[in-house]
Amino acid sequence: MKTKLIITESQFKKIKSILSEDTMHSRMVKEMKDFLEANYTPTENYVREGGEYFGKTMFKVNADEELISAKQLYEYMSYKFGLGEAFTKQVIKDWVSGNIGEDFMLSKHIPMR
C-alpha cells in the first residue's frame, strides 16, 4: 500500500535543514553564524596609515552601535564558544564574505579544535 505525504515548502526546508545538520561541525557553524547575524553587522571603515587610506573590516555591535575590530570579535567568540583559533577565524571570514550557505559548511575544511 502506497501513501503520499504532502508537505509545504516551509516544512520541506525545515526537514531539509534537520537532515543536513547531521554533523557537529555544521551545527556549530550554524550556531556561530546565527549569533553573529543577531549581534553584529560587518562594516568597511577607512583608516589612514602613512598618508594613504586603507579599507579595514570592522563590526558594529547591534546593541549599542559601537565599532569593534575583527581581533576583538575573534577574542570574544573564542571565549564564548571555546573552539579552535583557525575554526573561529574561518567562521568569521566566511560570514563576512557570505560563504556560509544553507548547508552550514565553511569554504575550507578546518577542524573545530
Protein backbone atom coordinates (compact mmCIF):
# COMPACT_ATOMS: atom_id res chain seq x y z
CA MET A 1 0.00 0.00 0.00
CA LYS A 2 1.43 3.37 -1.04
CA THR A 3 0.83 6.53 0.85
CA LYS A 4 1.68 10.04 -0.23
CA LEU A 5 2.83 12.73 2.09
CA ILE A 6 2.10 16.29 1.06
CA ILE A 7 4.13 19.00 2.76
CA THR A 8 4.51 22.72 2.23
CA GLU A 9 7.69 24.35 1.03
CA SER A 10 8.48 25.72 4.50
CA GLN A 11 8.04 22.25 6.02
CA PHE A 12 10.36 20.86 3.34
CA LYS A 13 13.00 23.47 4.20
CA LYS A 14 12.79 22.57 7.90
CA ILE A 15 13.12 18.85 7.17
CA LYS A 16 15.98 19.52 4.78
CA SER A 17 17.84 21.63 7.36
CA ILE A 18 17.40 18.95 10.03
CA LEU A 19 18.71 16.24 7.72
CA SER A 20 21.69 18.31 6.55
CA GLU A 21 22.59 19.20 10.13
CA ASP A 22 23.92 15.75 10.78
CA THR A 23 27.37 16.70 11.92
CA MET A 24 28.53 18.61 14.95
CA HIS A 25 30.66 20.71 12.64
CA SER A 26 27.72 22.14 10.69
CA ARG A 27 25.66 22.63 13.87
CA MET A 28 28.45 24.67 15.42
CA VAL A 29 28.85 26.77 12.27
CA LYS A 30 25.08 27.38 12.29
CA GLU A 31 25.11 28.42 15.94
CA MET A 32 28.04 30.79 15.42
CA LYS A 33 26.52 32.25 12.24
CA ASP A 34 23.18 32.85 13.98
CA PHE A 35 25.00 34.52 16.87
CA LEU A 36 26.95 36.79 14.50
CA GLU A 37 23.87 37.75 12.47
CA ALA A 38 21.86 38.54 15.60
CA ASN A 39 24.50 40.68 17.29
CA TYR A 40 26.88 42.16 14.70
CA THR A 41 26.93 43.92 11.34
CA PRO A 42 30.13 43.95 9.27
CA THR A 43 31.21 47.41 8.08
CA GLU A 44 34.05 48.77 5.99
CA ASN A 45 35.97 51.63 7.62
CA TYR A 46 38.81 53.56 6.07
CA VAL A 47 41.87 54.06 8.22
CA ARG A 48 44.69 56.43 7.36
CA GLU A 49 48.12 54.86 7.61
CA GLY A 50 51.25 56.54 6.26
CA GLY A 51 49.35 59.12 4.23
CA GLU A 52 47.12 56.55 2.50
CA TYR A 53 43.66 55.28 3.30
CA PHE A 54 43.10 51.56 3.67
CA GLY A 55 39.82 49.69 3.98
CA LYS A 56 39.54 47.82 7.27
CA THR A 57 36.74 45.45 8.21
CA MET A 58 35.10 46.46 11.47
CA PHE A 59 31.99 45.14 13.17
CA LYS A 60 29.11 47.21 14.53
CA VAL A 61 27.61 45.82 17.74
CA ASN A 62 23.85 45.95 17.12
CA ALA A 63 23.02 46.56 20.79
CA ASP A 64 24.89 49.84 21.20
CA GLU A 65 26.23 50.57 17.68
CA GLU A 66 29.82 50.54 18.92
CA LEU A 67 32.51 49.59 16.39
CA ILE A 68 34.90 46.80 17.28
CA SER A 69 37.82 45.31 15.38
CA ALA A 70 37.99 41.82 13.92
CA LYS A 71 40.51 40.89 16.62
CA GLN A 72 38.11 41.94 19.39
CA LEU A 73 35.29 39.94 17.81
CA TYR A 74 37.55 36.91 17.42
CA GLU A 75 38.67 37.10 21.07
CA TYR A 76 35.08 37.33 22.30
CA MET A 77 33.90 34.43 20.13
CA SER A 78 36.87 32.31 21.23
CA TYR A 79 35.90 32.97 24.84
CA LYS A 80 32.17 32.34 24.23
CA PHE A 81 32.41 29.17 22.12
CA GLY A 82 35.79 27.78 23.23
CA LEU A 83 36.73 26.41 19.83
CA GLY A 84 39.99 26.37 17.90
CA GLU A 85 41.66 29.54 16.66
CA ALA A 86 41.61 28.64 12.95
CA PHE A 87 37.98 27.43 13.08
CA THR A 88 36.71 30.62 14.74
CA LYS A 89 38.64 32.84 12.33
CA GLN A 90 37.31 30.91 9.33
CA VAL A 91 33.71 31.22 10.54
CA ILE A 92 34.13 34.99 10.87
CA LYS A 93 35.80 35.27 7.43
CA ASP A 94 33.13 33.17 5.71
CA TRP A 95 30.33 35.06 7.47
CA VAL A 96 31.70 38.42 6.34
CA SER A 97 32.16 37.24 2.75
CA GLY A 98 28.80 35.43 2.68
CA ASN A 99 30.29 31.99 2.00
CA ILE A 100 28.23 30.12 4.62
CA GLY A 101 25.31 28.58 2.74
CA GLU A 102 22.25 26.60 3.72
CA ASP A 103 24.39 23.54 4.41
CA PHE A 104 26.44 25.50 7.02
CA MET A 105 29.76 24.34 5.65
CA LEU A 106 32.87 26.52 5.62
CA SER A 107 34.80 27.36 2.46
CA LYS A 108 37.80 25.48 3.93
CA HIS A 109 37.53 22.34 5.98
CA ILE A 110 39.08 23.16 9.36
CA PRO A 111 38.77 21.01 12.50
CA MET A 112 36.89 22.56 15.39
CA ARG A 113 39.70 22.12 17.93
